[in-house]
Amino acid sequence: MAQSFSLARAPHADGEDPAWRAIIRSQTGSDAETDSILRSIARFGNGAGIQRYEITPVERRGQRASRSVTWTVSAVRQEPWTAGPTPMPFGGGSARR
């Protein structure tokens, strides 16, 4: 069965990156599936908050003999910098004078 894989998103990368096409093609073994996954990635847009894409195979029901697989694509976003408390480099006190 096909295995899950992920693609790290570089700031300049988009769905037209030939390296991505080669990676996806090597994982799926199909040009049609590669094109479908790249279209899914393109639908997410070029949001700077996207850290990577997770691509997961889903075996179709009732088609085990042909081992037909579809793929789901999800974008994993970075945590915003305000997600939690940020330790400050100085001790307590007040900035007021």
Protein backbone atom coordinates (compact mmCIF):
# COMPACT_ATOMS: atom_id res chain seq x y z
CA MET A 1 0.00 0.00 0.00
CA ALA A 2 1.07 3.58 -0.62
CA GLN A 3 2.54 5.50 2.32
CA SER A 4 1.98 9.00 3.67
CA PHE A 5 4.59 11.64 2.97
CA SER A 6 5.04 15.36 3.51
CA LEU A 7 6.46 18.28 1.56
CA ALA A 8 8.10 21.16 3.39
CA ARG A 9 7.03 24.50 1.99
CA ALA A 10 9.85 26.90 1.20
CA PRO A 11 8.91 30.60 1.04
CA HIS A 12 9.43 30.64 -2.73
CA ALA A 13 7.86 27.24 -3.49
CA ASP A 14 4.60 26.79 -5.34
CA GLY A 15 2.75 24.03 -7.16
CA GLU A 16 4.94 24.49 -10.22
CA ASP A 17 8.16 23.46 -8.45
CA PRO A 18 9.73 20.66 -10.58
CA ALA A 19 11.33 19.13 -7.47
CA TRP A 20 7.90 18.71 -5.89
CA ARG A 21 6.58 17.10 -9.06
CA ALA A 22 9.46 14.59 -9.00
CA ILE A 23 8.96 13.79 -5.30
CA ILE A 24 5.22 13.32 -5.66
CA ARG A 25 5.64 11.21 -8.81
CA SER A 26 8.12 8.94 -7.03
CA GLN A 27 5.65 8.44 -4.16
CA THR A 28 2.48 7.93 -6.20
CA GLY A 29 3.84 6.27 -9.33
CA SER A 30 1.31 8.15 -11.45
CA ASP A 31 1.35 11.36 -13.47
CA ALA A 32 -2.43 11.74 -13.04
CA GLU A 33 -2.21 11.43 -9.25
CA THR A 34 0.76 13.81 -9.21
CA ASP A 35 -1.25 16.42 -11.14
CA SER A 36 -4.22 15.96 -8.80
CA ILE A 37 -2.05 16.46 -5.68
CA LEU A 38 -0.40 19.55 -7.17
CA ARG A 39 -3.85 21.03 -7.93
CA SER A 40 -4.85 20.41 -4.30
CA ILE A 41 -1.71 22.18 -3.09
CA ALA A 42 -2.41 25.12 -5.43
CA ARG A 43 -5.91 25.50 -3.92
CA PHE A 44 -4.32 26.24 -0.53
CA GLY A 45 -2.67 29.30 -2.07
CA ASN A 46 0.68 30.80 -1.16
CA GLY A 47 -0.07 31.55 2.48
CA ALA A 48 3.11 32.29 4.40
CA GLY A 49 1.71 30.45 7.44
CA ILE A 50 1.84 27.06 5.72
CA GLN A 51 4.76 25.07 7.06
CA ARG A 52 4.30 21.83 5.12
CA TYR A 53 1.78 19.70 3.25
CA GLU A 54 0.81 16.23 4.47
CA ILE A 55 -0.23 13.83 1.70
CA THR A 56 -2.06 10.70 2.87
CA PRO A 57 -3.30 7.74 0.81
CA VAL A 58 -6.88 6.56 1.20
CA GLU A 59 -7.70 3.14 -0.21
CA ARG A 60 -10.95 3.15 -2.14
CA ARG A 61 -13.59 0.78 -0.84
CA GLY A 62 -14.60 -2.09 -3.06
CA GLN A 63 -11.60 -1.80 -5.35
CA ARG A 64 -9.00 -3.85 -3.52
CA ALA A 65 -8.14 -5.97 -6.54
CA SER A 66 -6.80 -2.96 -8.43
CA ARG A 67 -5.24 -1.35 -5.32
CA SER A 68 -6.72 1.97 -6.37
CA VAL A 69 -5.74 4.81 -4.06
CA THR A 70 -6.87 8.40 -3.67
CA TRP A 71 -4.85 10.99 -1.81
CA THR A 72 -5.83 13.63 0.71
CA VAL A 73 -3.74 16.77 1.04
CA SER A 74 -3.72 18.93 4.16
CA ALA A 75 -1.75 22.05 4.96
CA VAL A 76 0.02 22.15 8.32
CA ARG A 77 0.23 25.74 9.48
CA GLN A 78 2.81 27.32 11.76
CA GLU A 79 1.74 28.34 15.20
CA PRO A 80 1.36 32.10 15.39
CA TRP A 81 4.09 33.77 17.41
CA THR A 82 1.48 34.82 19.97
CA ALA A 83 0.32 31.24 20.57
CA GLY A 84 1.77 31.04 24.06
CA PRO A 85 3.63 32.99 26.69
CA THR A 86 6.96 34.31 25.52
CA PRO A 87 9.77 34.26 28.09
CA MET A 88 11.32 37.68 28.41
CA PRO A 89 15.11 38.09 28.63
CA PHE A 90 14.92 40.28 31.76
CA GLY A 91 13.53 40.00 35.26
CA GLY A 92 10.23 41.36 36.50
CA GLY A 93 9.46 44.99 37.09
CA SER A 94 7.76 47.74 35.23
CA ALA A 95 8.72 49.64 32.14
CA ARG A 96 7.15 52.79 33.59
CA ARG A 97 9.37 55.41 35.16
